[in-house]
Amino acid sequence: MKLPRTTLILVLLALGLGSFVYFYEIKGATQREEIKEQNQKIFSFVEDDVQTLTVKTKKLTVNLERSNQSSNPKWLIKSPISEPANDAIVSYLMDLLVKGKGEANDGKLRTLTTPANQLGQYGLDAPQATIDITLKNQQKHQLILGKRNFNGVFVYARTDTATKPDGNVDVLLVPIDFENAVNRELSEWKQPVDNVKSTPLPSNLPLPTPTNAK
């Protein structure tokens, strides 16, 4: 049966509208969300890109390097001691560096522009911690942590962006979890010592000889 021309046009319009809704509202929304998340990230590298980490706090500097061995541990402490690192502790910090998001504004990472000589009001003139990151391709990145913001939810920070020609710098607001990730004792960075396993007794031990009751 031949469809009337008007009906055919309506069918084609409906198909076109359905395609538009799918590509823009459904598929497009997923792509826009991915772009939004990427714009809010502090860094763009992935975990496997990182070769070394240097975490410097006011009381300790720890140098970490990715192990060349495929087995655990994945990370090694190179200084101030030379020992296997606690992979869980390093992974916690790594997740923040790779997946961590700063405070956003209109879907983009929010930055505060301030003169370089006023970094002290954000605690960035004498930072609580500095994280230096070296990638496998020898690119270097840095995250400097200052003090907490007014409500204690975020920490003021600077990345490896240089001072602008007008003398201003960009300040970020990053999750307070970074404080917990870097302010640690040296013992926490070291690989935990496994519990000593008890050695089983041999099965051929002689049975005790019963004594005659007197």
N, C-alpha and C. Protein backbone atom coordinates (compact mmCIF):
# COMPACT_ATOMS: atom_id res chain seq x y z
N MET A 1 0.84 -1.19 0.00
CA MET A 1 0.00 0.00 0.00
C MET A 1 0.88 1.24 0.00
N LYS A 2 0.55 2.19 -0.85
CA LYS A 2 1.34 3.40 -0.97
C LYS A 2 0.92 4.41 0.08
N LEU A 3 1.89 4.91 0.85
CA LEU A 3 1.60 5.88 1.89
C LEU A 3 1.35 7.24 1.27
N PRO A 4 0.42 8.00 1.83
CA PRO A 4 0.23 9.37 1.36
C PRO A 4 1.51 10.18 1.56
N ARG A 5 1.69 11.14 0.72
CA ARG A 5 2.93 11.95 0.78
C ARG A 5 3.08 12.64 2.12
N THR A 6 1.99 13.13 2.67
CA THR A 6 2.05 13.84 3.96
C THR A 6 2.49 12.89 5.07
N THR A 7 1.95 11.67 5.05
CA THR A 7 2.33 10.68 6.07
C THR A 7 3.80 10.32 5.96
N LEU A 8 4.28 10.18 4.73
CA LEU A 8 5.70 9.85 4.51
C LEU A 8 6.61 10.94 5.05
N ILE A 9 6.22 12.18 4.82
CA ILE A 9 7.03 13.31 5.33
C ILE A 9 7.06 13.30 6.86
N LEU A 10 5.91 13.01 7.47
CA LEU A 10 5.86 12.97 8.94
C LEU A 10 6.73 11.85 9.51
N VAL A 11 6.72 10.70 8.82
CA VAL A 11 7.55 9.58 9.26
C VAL A 11 9.02 9.95 9.18
N LEU A 12 9.42 10.58 8.06
CA LEU A 12 10.82 10.99 7.90
C LEU A 12 11.23 12.03 8.94
N LEU A 13 10.31 12.95 9.24
CA LEU A 13 10.60 13.96 10.27
C LEU A 13 10.76 13.31 11.64
N ALA A 14 9.92 12.33 11.93
CA ALA A 14 10.00 11.63 13.21
C ALA A 14 11.32 10.88 13.34
N LEU A 15 11.74 10.23 12.24
CA LEU A 15 13.02 9.52 12.26
C LEU A 15 14.18 10.48 12.44
N GLY A 16 14.09 11.62 11.76
CA GLY A 16 15.16 12.62 11.90
C GLY A 16 15.23 13.18 13.30
N LEU A 17 14.05 13.45 13.89
CA LEU A 17 14.02 13.97 15.26
C LEU A 17 14.56 12.95 16.24
N GLY A 18 14.22 11.66 16.02
CA GLY A 18 14.74 10.61 16.90
C GLY A 18 16.24 10.51 16.83
N SER A 19 16.79 10.63 15.63
CA SER A 19 18.25 10.59 15.47
C SER A 19 18.91 11.76 16.15
N PHE A 20 18.27 12.95 16.04
CA PHE A 20 18.82 14.14 16.68
C PHE A 20 18.85 13.97 18.20
N VAL A 21 17.73 13.47 18.74
CA VAL A 21 17.65 13.27 20.19
C VAL A 21 18.71 12.29 20.65
N TYR A 22 18.92 11.21 19.90
CA TYR A 22 19.91 10.20 20.30
C TYR A 22 21.32 10.79 20.28
N PHE A 23 21.70 11.41 19.18
CA PHE A 23 23.08 11.88 19.05
C PHE A 23 23.38 13.10 19.92
N TYR A 24 22.38 13.97 20.10
CA TYR A 24 22.65 15.18 20.88
C TYR A 24 22.39 14.97 22.36
N GLU A 25 21.21 14.44 22.68
CA GLU A 25 20.82 14.34 24.08
C GLU A 25 21.46 13.16 24.80
N ILE A 26 21.61 12.03 24.11
CA ILE A 26 22.12 10.83 24.78
C ILE A 26 23.62 10.68 24.56
N LYS A 27 24.00 10.46 23.31
CA LYS A 27 25.42 10.29 23.03
C LYS A 27 26.19 11.59 23.26
N GLY A 28 25.59 12.70 22.88
CA GLY A 28 26.25 13.99 23.07
C GLY A 28 26.43 14.32 24.53
N ALA A 29 25.45 13.96 25.36
CA ALA A 29 25.55 14.24 26.79
C ALA A 29 26.71 13.48 27.42
N THR A 30 26.91 12.24 26.98
CA THR A 30 28.04 11.45 27.49
C THR A 30 29.37 12.10 27.12
N GLN A 31 29.47 12.56 25.88
CA GLN A 31 30.70 13.20 25.43
C GLN A 31 30.93 14.51 26.17
N ARG A 32 29.86 15.28 26.38
CA ARG A 32 30.00 16.55 27.10
C ARG A 32 30.43 16.32 28.54
N GLU A 33 29.91 15.25 29.15
CA GLU A 33 30.29 14.94 30.53
C GLU A 33 31.76 14.54 30.61
N GLU A 34 32.23 13.78 29.61
CA GLU A 34 33.65 13.39 29.58
C GLU A 34 34.54 14.62 29.43
N ILE A 35 34.14 15.54 28.57
CA ILE A 35 34.92 16.77 28.38
C ILE A 35 34.92 17.60 29.66
N LYS A 36 33.75 17.66 30.32
CA LYS A 36 33.64 18.42 31.57
C LYS A 36 34.57 17.85 32.63
N GLU A 37 34.59 16.51 32.77
CA GLU A 37 35.45 15.87 33.76
C GLU A 37 36.92 16.12 33.44
N GLN A 38 37.26 16.05 32.15
CA GLN A 38 38.65 16.28 31.75
C GLN A 38 39.08 17.71 32.07
N ASN A 39 38.18 18.67 31.87
CA ASN A 39 38.50 20.07 32.13
C ASN A 39 38.68 20.35 33.62
N GLN A 40 38.07 19.51 34.47
CA GLN A 40 38.17 19.72 35.91
C GLN A 40 39.38 19.02 36.53
N LYS A 41 40.05 18.18 35.76
CA LYS A 41 41.20 17.46 36.30
C LYS A 41 42.38 18.41 36.51
N ILE A 42 43.17 18.08 37.54
CA ILE A 42 44.34 18.90 37.84
C ILE A 42 45.43 18.66 36.82
N PHE A 43 45.66 17.39 36.46
CA PHE A 43 46.66 17.02 35.46
C PHE A 43 46.01 16.14 34.40
N SER A 44 46.68 16.02 33.26
CA SER A 44 46.12 15.24 32.15
C SER A 44 46.83 13.90 31.94
N PHE A 45 47.92 13.63 32.68
CA PHE A 45 48.62 12.37 32.49
C PHE A 45 47.89 11.24 33.19
N VAL A 46 48.26 9.99 32.85
CA VAL A 46 47.68 8.81 33.49
C VAL A 46 48.74 8.15 34.37
N GLU A 47 48.29 7.22 35.20
CA GLU A 47 49.19 6.61 36.20
C GLU A 47 50.41 5.95 35.57
N ASP A 48 50.22 5.23 34.48
CA ASP A 48 51.33 4.52 33.86
C ASP A 48 52.37 5.46 33.26
N ASP A 49 52.03 6.73 33.10
CA ASP A 49 53.00 7.70 32.56
C ASP A 49 54.06 8.09 33.57
N VAL A 50 53.77 7.91 34.87
CA VAL A 50 54.63 8.44 35.93
C VAL A 50 55.79 7.50 36.22
N GLN A 51 56.98 8.07 36.26
CA GLN A 51 58.19 7.29 36.57
C GLN A 51 58.69 7.55 37.99
N THR A 52 58.70 8.82 38.42
CA THR A 52 59.18 9.14 39.77
C THR A 52 58.28 10.17 40.43
N LEU A 53 58.28 10.13 41.76
CA LEU A 53 57.57 11.10 42.58
C LEU A 53 58.51 11.56 43.69
N THR A 54 58.52 12.85 43.96
CA THR A 54 59.23 13.38 45.11
C THR A 54 58.23 14.16 45.96
N VAL A 55 58.04 13.71 47.18
CA VAL A 55 57.09 14.35 48.10
C VAL A 55 57.89 15.05 49.20
N LYS A 56 57.77 16.36 49.23
CA LYS A 56 58.52 17.16 50.20
C LYS A 56 57.55 17.87 51.13
N THR A 57 57.64 17.54 52.42
CA THR A 57 56.86 18.25 53.44
C THR A 57 57.83 19.01 54.33
N LYS A 58 57.30 19.66 55.36
CA LYS A 58 58.16 20.46 56.22
C LYS A 58 59.09 19.62 57.09
N LYS A 59 58.79 18.31 57.21
CA LYS A 59 59.63 17.47 58.06
C LYS A 59 60.27 16.29 57.34
N LEU A 60 59.93 16.09 56.05
CA LEU A 60 60.43 14.90 55.38
C LEU A 60 60.39 15.08 53.86
N THR A 61 61.39 14.52 53.19
CA THR A 61 61.40 14.45 51.72
C THR A 61 61.59 12.99 51.33
N VAL A 62 60.66 12.47 50.54
CA VAL A 62 60.69 11.08 50.11
C VAL A 62 60.76 11.03 48.59
N ASN A 63 61.74 10.30 48.07
CA ASN A 63 61.87 10.09 46.64
C ASN A 63 61.41 8.68 46.29
N LEU A 64 60.46 8.60 45.38
CA LEU A 64 59.87 7.32 44.99
C LEU A 64 60.10 7.08 43.50
N GLU A 65 60.36 5.84 43.15
CA GLU A 65 60.59 5.49 41.74
C GLU A 65 59.83 4.21 41.40
N ARG A 66 59.27 4.20 40.21
CA ARG A 66 58.55 3.02 39.77
C ARG A 66 59.52 1.85 39.59
N SER A 67 59.14 0.68 40.09
CA SER A 67 60.00 -0.49 39.99
C SER A 67 60.02 -1.01 38.55
N ASN A 68 61.19 -1.53 38.13
CA ASN A 68 61.32 -2.12 36.80
C ASN A 68 60.77 -3.54 36.76
N GLN A 69 60.53 -4.11 37.94
CA GLN A 69 60.03 -5.48 38.01
C GLN A 69 58.51 -5.49 37.86
N SER A 70 57.99 -6.53 37.24
CA SER A 70 56.55 -6.63 37.05
C SER A 70 55.81 -7.04 38.32
N SER A 71 56.55 -7.65 39.25
CA SER A 71 55.93 -8.10 40.50
C SER A 71 55.91 -6.96 41.51
N ASN A 72 55.15 -7.17 42.58
CA ASN A 72 55.10 -6.19 43.65
C ASN A 72 56.42 -6.15 44.39
N PRO A 73 56.80 -5.00 44.97
CA PRO A 73 56.05 -3.76 44.96
C PRO A 73 56.22 -2.98 43.65
N LYS A 74 55.23 -2.15 43.34
CA LYS A 74 55.31 -1.35 42.12
C LYS A 74 56.24 -0.16 42.30
N TRP A 75 56.40 0.27 43.57
CA TRP A 75 57.18 1.48 43.84
C TRP A 75 58.29 1.19 44.84
N LEU A 76 59.39 1.92 44.68
CA LEU A 76 60.55 1.79 45.56
C LEU A 76 60.88 3.15 46.16
N ILE A 77 61.28 3.15 47.42
CA ILE A 77 61.81 4.35 48.05
C ILE A 77 63.30 4.44 47.71
N LYS A 78 63.71 5.56 47.12
CA LYS A 78 65.12 5.74 46.75
C LYS A 78 65.87 6.57 47.79
N SER A 79 65.18 7.45 48.49
CA SER A 79 65.77 8.21 49.59
C SER A 79 64.63 8.75 50.45
N PRO A 80 64.87 8.95 51.75
CA PRO A 80 66.15 8.91 52.47
C PRO A 80 66.65 7.51 52.80
N ILE A 81 65.87 6.48 52.46
CA ILE A 81 66.31 5.10 52.63
C ILE A 81 66.10 4.40 51.30
N SER A 82 66.59 3.20 51.20
CA SER A 82 66.39 2.41 49.98
C SER A 82 65.64 1.13 50.35
N GLU A 83 64.33 1.17 50.13
CA GLU A 83 63.47 0.04 50.52
C GLU A 83 62.25 0.00 49.62
N PRO A 84 61.56 -1.15 49.57
CA PRO A 84 60.29 -1.20 48.85
C PRO A 84 59.29 -0.24 49.51
N ALA A 85 58.46 0.38 48.68
CA ALA A 85 57.46 1.33 49.19
C ALA A 85 56.13 0.63 49.45
N ASN A 86 55.30 1.30 50.20
CA ASN A 86 53.95 0.82 50.48
C ASN A 86 53.08 1.17 49.27
N ASP A 87 52.77 0.19 48.44
CA ASP A 87 52.03 0.44 47.21
C ASP A 87 50.67 1.09 47.45
N ALA A 88 50.01 0.71 48.53
CA ALA A 88 48.69 1.26 48.82
C ALA A 88 48.78 2.76 49.09
N ILE A 89 49.81 3.18 49.83
CA ILE A 89 49.98 4.59 50.16
C ILE A 89 50.32 5.39 48.90
N VAL A 90 51.21 4.85 48.07
CA VAL A 90 51.59 5.55 46.83
C VAL A 90 50.41 5.60 45.86
N SER A 91 49.65 4.51 45.79
CA SER A 91 48.50 4.47 44.89
C SER A 91 47.43 5.49 45.29
N TYR A 92 47.28 5.70 46.59
CA TYR A 92 46.32 6.69 47.08
C TYR A 92 46.69 8.08 46.58
N LEU A 93 47.96 8.42 46.69
CA LEU A 93 48.44 9.71 46.19
C LEU A 93 48.31 9.77 44.67
N MET A 94 48.66 8.68 44.00
CA MET A 94 48.62 8.66 42.54
C MET A 94 47.20 8.86 42.03
N ASP A 95 46.23 8.24 42.68
CA ASP A 95 44.84 8.41 42.27
C ASP A 95 44.41 9.87 42.37
N LEU A 96 44.86 10.55 43.41
CA LEU A 96 44.52 11.97 43.55
C LEU A 96 45.16 12.80 42.44
N LEU A 97 46.40 12.49 42.09
CA LEU A 97 47.08 13.24 41.04
C LEU A 97 46.44 13.00 39.68
N VAL A 98 46.05 11.77 39.42
CA VAL A 98 45.53 11.40 38.10
C VAL A 98 44.04 11.70 37.97
N LYS A 99 43.27 11.38 39.02
CA LYS A 99 41.82 11.50 38.94
C LYS A 99 41.26 12.68 39.72
N GLY A 100 42.09 13.28 40.56
CA GLY A 100 41.61 14.36 41.41
C GLY A 100 41.14 15.56 40.61
N LYS A 101 40.08 16.19 41.11
CA LYS A 101 39.51 17.35 40.45
C LYS A 101 39.56 18.55 41.40
N GLY A 102 39.85 19.69 40.84
CA GLY A 102 39.79 20.91 41.61
C GLY A 102 38.38 21.46 41.63
N GLU A 103 38.16 22.50 42.42
CA GLU A 103 36.84 23.14 42.45
C GLU A 103 36.53 23.68 41.06
N ALA A 104 35.32 23.43 40.60
CA ALA A 104 34.94 23.79 39.24
C ALA A 104 34.05 25.01 39.22
N ASN A 105 34.07 25.69 38.07
CA ASN A 105 33.20 26.82 37.82
C ASN A 105 32.75 26.75 36.37
N ASP A 106 31.44 26.54 36.15
CA ASP A 106 30.90 26.38 34.79
C ASP A 106 31.57 25.24 34.05
N GLY A 107 31.82 24.14 34.77
CA GLY A 107 32.37 22.96 34.13
C GLY A 107 33.86 23.01 33.89
N LYS A 108 34.53 24.07 34.33
CA LYS A 108 35.97 24.18 34.13
C LYS A 108 36.67 24.35 35.48
N LEU A 109 37.94 23.97 35.50
CA LEU A 109 38.73 24.09 36.73
C LEU A 109 38.80 25.56 37.14
N ARG A 110 38.36 25.84 38.36
CA ARG A 110 38.34 27.21 38.84
C ARG A 110 39.73 27.65 39.27
N THR A 111 40.14 28.81 38.82
CA THR A 111 41.43 29.36 39.21
C THR A 111 41.25 30.75 39.79
N LEU A 112 42.07 31.09 40.75
CA LEU A 112 42.09 32.43 41.33
C LEU A 112 43.37 33.10 40.86
N THR A 113 43.25 34.23 40.22
CA THR A 113 44.42 34.96 39.73
C THR A 113 44.85 35.95 40.79
N THR A 114 46.13 35.88 41.17
CA THR A 114 46.64 36.74 42.23
C THR A 114 48.07 37.16 41.92
N PRO A 115 48.49 38.32 42.35
CA PRO A 115 49.90 38.71 42.16
C PRO A 115 50.84 37.74 42.86
N ALA A 116 51.97 37.50 42.26
CA ALA A 116 52.93 36.53 42.82
C ALA A 116 53.39 36.93 44.21
N ASN A 117 53.43 38.23 44.50
CA ASN A 117 53.90 38.67 45.81
C ASN A 117 52.82 38.57 46.89
N GLN A 118 51.65 38.05 46.53
CA GLN A 118 50.58 37.89 47.52
C GLN A 118 50.22 36.42 47.75
N LEU A 119 51.12 35.52 47.37
CA LEU A 119 50.87 34.10 47.56
C LEU A 119 50.80 33.72 49.03
N GLY A 120 51.35 34.56 49.88
CA GLY A 120 51.35 34.26 51.31
C GLY A 120 49.97 34.12 51.89
N GLN A 121 48.98 34.83 51.36
CA GLN A 121 47.62 34.74 51.90
C GLN A 121 46.99 33.38 51.63
N TYR A 122 47.58 32.61 50.72
CA TYR A 122 47.11 31.26 50.43
C TYR A 122 48.04 30.19 51.01
N GLY A 123 49.04 30.61 51.77
CA GLY A 123 49.98 29.66 52.35
C GLY A 123 50.92 29.06 51.33
N LEU A 124 51.09 29.72 50.19
CA LEU A 124 51.91 29.16 49.11
C LEU A 124 53.31 29.76 49.06
N ASP A 125 53.60 30.72 49.95
CA ASP A 125 54.96 31.23 50.03
C ASP A 125 55.84 30.28 50.85
N ALA A 126 55.24 29.60 51.81
CA ALA A 126 55.92 28.55 52.59
C ALA A 126 54.99 27.35 52.60
N PRO A 127 54.91 26.61 51.51
CA PRO A 127 53.90 25.55 51.36
C PRO A 127 54.06 24.43 52.36
N GLN A 128 52.94 23.77 52.65
CA GLN A 128 52.98 22.61 53.55
C GLN A 128 53.57 21.40 52.84
N ALA A 129 53.49 21.35 51.51
CA ALA A 129 54.04 20.22 50.77
C ALA A 129 54.22 20.58 49.30
N THR A 130 55.21 19.93 48.69
CA THR A 130 55.46 20.06 47.25
C THR A 130 55.61 18.67 46.66
N ILE A 131 54.90 18.41 45.58
CA ILE A 131 54.97 17.11 44.91
C ILE A 131 55.56 17.32 43.52
N ASP A 132 56.71 16.72 43.27
CA ASP A 132 57.35 16.80 41.96
C ASP A 132 57.13 15.47 41.23
N ILE A 133 56.66 15.56 40.00
CA ILE A 133 56.31 14.38 39.21
C ILE A 133 57.15 14.37 37.95
N THR A 134 57.81 13.24 37.67
CA THR A 134 58.55 13.07 36.42
C THR A 134 57.93 11.92 35.65
N LEU A 135 57.56 12.18 34.40
CA LEU A 135 56.95 11.16 33.56
C LEU A 135 58.02 10.34 32.85
N LYS A 136 57.60 9.25 32.25
CA LYS A 136 58.54 8.38 31.54
C LYS A 136 59.17 9.09 30.35
N ASN A 137 58.46 10.07 29.79
CA ASN A 137 59.02 10.83 28.67
C ASN A 137 59.84 12.03 29.13
N GLN A 138 60.14 12.06 30.45
CA GLN A 138 60.96 13.08 31.10
C GLN A 138 60.26 14.43 31.26
N GLN A 139 58.99 14.52 30.94
CA GLN A 139 58.25 15.73 31.25
C GLN A 139 58.09 15.84 32.77
N LYS A 140 58.12 17.06 33.27
CA LYS A 140 58.04 17.28 34.71
C LYS A 140 56.81 18.11 35.05
N HIS A 141 56.20 17.77 36.17
CA HIS A 141 55.04 18.51 36.68
C HIS A 141 55.24 18.73 38.18
N GLN A 142 54.50 19.69 38.70
CA GLN A 142 54.64 20.01 40.12
C GLN A 142 53.30 20.46 40.68
N LEU A 143 53.04 20.04 41.91
CA LEU A 143 51.87 20.50 42.65
C LEU A 143 52.34 21.02 44.00
N ILE A 144 52.02 22.27 44.29
CA ILE A 144 52.41 22.92 45.55
C ILE A 144 51.15 23.13 46.37
N LEU A 145 51.17 22.65 47.61
CA LEU A 145 50.00 22.73 48.49
C LEU A 145 50.18 23.82 49.54
N GLY A 146 49.21 24.71 49.62
CA GLY A 146 49.23 25.76 50.62
C GLY A 146 48.33 25.43 51.80
N LYS A 147 47.62 26.43 52.28
CA LYS A 147 46.75 26.21 53.43
C LYS A 147 45.32 25.91 52.98
N ARG A 148 44.47 25.54 53.93
CA ARG A 148 43.07 25.25 53.62
C ARG A 148 42.31 26.55 53.33
N ASN A 149 41.21 26.38 52.57
CA ASN A 149 40.38 27.55 52.31
C ASN A 149 39.50 27.85 53.52
N PHE A 150 38.63 28.84 53.40
CA PHE A 150 37.92 29.35 54.58
C PHE A 150 37.02 28.31 55.24
N ASN A 151 36.45 27.35 54.46
CA ASN A 151 35.56 26.35 55.07
C ASN A 151 36.23 25.00 55.27
N GLY A 152 37.54 24.92 55.00
CA GLY A 152 38.28 23.70 55.27
C GLY A 152 37.97 22.54 54.37
N VAL A 153 37.35 22.80 53.22
CA VAL A 153 36.99 21.72 52.30
C VAL A 153 38.07 21.51 51.25
N PHE A 154 38.71 22.59 50.83
CA PHE A 154 39.75 22.52 49.81
C PHE A 154 41.06 23.07 50.35
N VAL A 155 42.11 22.82 49.57
CA VAL A 155 43.44 23.35 49.88
C VAL A 155 43.88 24.21 48.70
N TYR A 156 44.41 25.38 48.99
CA TYR A 156 44.95 26.22 47.92
C TYR A 156 46.20 25.56 47.35
N ALA A 157 46.35 25.63 46.04
CA ALA A 157 47.46 24.93 45.40
C ALA A 157 47.91 25.66 44.14
N ARG A 158 49.11 25.34 43.73
CA ARG A 158 49.65 25.80 42.44
C ARG A 158 50.15 24.59 41.67
N THR A 159 49.96 24.61 40.37
CA THR A 159 50.56 23.58 39.53
C THR A 159 51.79 24.17 38.86
N ASP A 160 52.29 23.47 37.83
CA ASP A 160 53.55 23.90 37.22
C ASP A 160 53.38 25.06 36.23
N THR A 161 52.28 25.79 36.34
CA THR A 161 52.12 26.96 35.49
C THR A 161 53.04 28.08 35.97
N ALA A 162 53.67 28.74 35.01
CA ALA A 162 54.63 29.79 35.35
C ALA A 162 53.91 31.11 35.64
N THR A 163 54.66 32.05 36.19
CA THR A 163 54.12 33.39 36.43
C THR A 163 53.81 34.06 35.09
N LYS A 164 52.66 34.69 35.01
CA LYS A 164 52.25 35.36 33.78
C LYS A 164 53.07 36.62 33.55
N PRO A 165 53.09 37.11 32.31
CA PRO A 165 53.85 38.34 32.02
C PRO A 165 53.42 39.53 32.87
N ASP A 166 52.15 39.54 33.32
CA ASP A 166 51.69 40.67 34.14
C ASP A 166 52.03 40.49 35.62
N GLY A 167 52.77 39.41 35.94
CA GLY A 167 53.19 39.19 37.31
C GLY A 167 52.21 38.42 38.16
N ASN A 168 51.10 37.98 37.58
CA ASN A 168 50.10 37.21 38.31
C ASN A 168 50.32 35.71 38.15
N VAL A 169 49.77 34.96 39.09
CA VAL A 169 49.82 33.49 39.02
C VAL A 169 48.42 32.95 39.28
N ASP A 170 48.19 31.72 38.82
CA ASP A 170 46.90 31.06 39.03
C ASP A 170 46.97 30.16 40.25
N VAL A 171 45.97 30.26 41.12
CA VAL A 171 45.85 29.43 42.32
C VAL A 171 44.62 28.55 42.16
N LEU A 172 44.78 27.27 42.47
CA LEU A 172 43.68 26.31 42.38
C LEU A 172 43.15 25.96 43.76
N LEU A 173 41.99 25.33 43.78
CA LEU A 173 41.46 24.74 45.01
C LEU A 173 41.35 23.24 44.77
N VAL A 174 42.16 22.46 45.49
CA VAL A 174 42.21 21.01 45.29
C VAL A 174 41.66 20.31 46.53
N PRO A 175 41.24 19.03 46.40
CA PRO A 175 40.66 18.32 47.54
C PRO A 175 41.61 18.25 48.74
N ILE A 176 41.01 18.33 49.92
CA ILE A 176 41.79 18.28 51.15
C ILE A 176 42.44 16.91 51.34
N ASP A 177 41.99 15.92 50.59
CA ASP A 177 42.59 14.58 50.67
C ASP A 177 44.09 14.61 50.39
N PHE A 178 44.55 15.60 49.64
CA PHE A 178 45.98 15.70 49.37
C PHE A 178 46.79 15.85 50.66
N GLU A 179 46.21 16.53 51.65
CA GLU A 179 46.91 16.67 52.94
C GLU A 179 47.18 15.31 53.56
N ASN A 180 46.15 14.47 53.57
CA ASN A 180 46.30 13.13 54.15
C ASN A 180 47.27 12.28 53.34
N ALA A 181 47.34 12.52 52.05
CA ALA A 181 48.17 11.69 51.18
C ALA A 181 49.66 11.96 51.34
N VAL A 182 50.03 13.18 51.73
CA VAL A 182 51.45 13.53 51.77
C VAL A 182 52.01 13.70 53.17
N ASN A 183 51.18 14.08 54.12
CA ASN A 183 51.68 14.31 55.49
C ASN A 183 51.75 13.00 56.25
N ARG A 184 52.83 12.27 56.01
CA ARG A 184 53.01 10.93 56.59
C ARG A 184 54.40 10.79 57.18
N GLU A 185 54.51 9.84 58.11
CA GLU A 185 55.80 9.47 58.64
C GLU A 185 56.52 8.57 57.63
N LEU A 186 57.84 8.49 57.74
CA LEU A 186 58.60 7.64 56.83
C LEU A 186 58.15 6.19 56.93
N SER A 187 57.80 5.76 58.14
CA SER A 187 57.38 4.37 58.33
C SER A 187 56.12 4.03 57.52
N GLU A 188 55.29 5.03 57.26
CA GLU A 188 54.07 4.79 56.50
C GLU A 188 54.36 4.59 55.01
N TRP A 189 55.45 5.21 54.53
CA TRP A 189 55.82 5.07 53.12
C TRP A 189 56.47 3.72 52.85
N LYS A 190 56.99 3.07 53.89
CA LYS A 190 57.68 1.79 53.72
C LYS A 190 56.69 0.64 53.57
N GLN A 191 57.11 -0.37 52.82
CA GLN A 191 56.28 -1.56 52.67
C GLN A 191 56.06 -2.22 54.03
N PRO A 192 54.82 -2.56 54.37
CA PRO A 192 54.57 -3.18 55.68
C PRO A 192 55.29 -4.52 55.79
N VAL A 193 55.76 -4.80 56.98
CA VAL A 193 56.42 -6.07 57.24
C VAL A 193 55.34 -7.13 57.45
N ASP A 194 55.43 -8.22 56.69
CA ASP A 194 54.44 -9.30 56.82
C ASP A 194 54.55 -9.93 58.19
N ASN A 195 53.43 -10.38 58.68
CA ASN A 195 53.43 -11.10 59.94
C ASN A 195 54.26 -12.37 59.82
N VAL A 196 55.06 -12.61 60.80
CA VAL A 196 55.91 -13.81 60.77
C VAL A 196 55.04 -15.05 60.87
N LYS A 197 55.16 -15.90 59.89
CA LYS A 197 54.37 -17.12 59.89
C LYS A 197 55.01 -18.16 60.79
N SER A 198 54.20 -18.79 61.58
CA SER A 198 54.74 -19.81 62.48
C SER A 198 55.15 -21.04 61.68
N THR A 199 56.28 -21.61 62.03
CA THR A 199 56.79 -22.79 61.35
C THR A 199 56.10 -24.02 61.89
N PRO A 200 55.47 -24.84 61.04
CA PRO A 200 54.78 -26.04 61.54
C PRO A 200 55.76 -27.04 62.11
N LEU A 201 55.32 -27.70 63.14
CA LEU A 201 56.16 -28.71 63.74
C LEU A 201 56.22 -29.95 62.86
N PRO A 202 57.35 -30.65 62.83
CA PRO A 202 57.42 -31.88 62.02
C PRO A 202 56.44 -32.92 62.53
N SER A 203 55.91 -33.71 61.60
CA SER A 203 54.87 -34.68 61.96
C SER A 203 55.43 -35.94 62.61
N ASN A 204 56.77 -36.14 62.56
CA ASN A 204 57.34 -37.39 63.09
C ASN A 204 57.96 -37.21 64.47
N LEU A 205 57.50 -36.20 65.20
CA LEU A 205 58.02 -36.03 66.55
C LEU A 205 57.57 -37.22 67.41
N PRO A 206 58.45 -37.70 68.27
CA PRO A 206 58.06 -38.83 69.14
C PRO A 206 57.01 -38.39 70.15
N LEU A 207 56.07 -39.27 70.41
CA LEU A 207 55.05 -38.98 71.39
C LEU A 207 55.65 -39.05 72.79
N PRO A 208 55.16 -38.22 73.69
CA PRO A 208 55.69 -38.27 75.06
C PRO A 208 55.38 -39.62 75.70
N THR A 209 56.36 -40.14 76.48
CA THR A 209 56.19 -41.42 77.15
C THR A 209 55.43 -41.23 78.44
N PRO A 210 54.32 -41.90 78.61
CA PRO A 210 53.54 -41.72 79.86
C PRO A 210 54.33 -42.24 81.05
N THR A 211 54.21 -41.55 82.13
CA THR A 211 54.89 -41.97 83.36
C THR A 211 53.92 -42.80 84.19
N ASN A 212 54.46 -43.86 84.86
CA ASN A 212 53.65 -44.70 85.74
C ASN A 212 53.28 -43.98 86.99
N ALA A 213 52.03 -43.99 87.29
CA ALA A 213 51.58 -43.36 88.53
C ALA A 213 52.08 -44.15 89.70
N LYS A 214 52.54 -43.48 90.68
CA LYS A 214 53.04 -44.16 91.89
C LYS A 214 51.93 -44.29 92.89
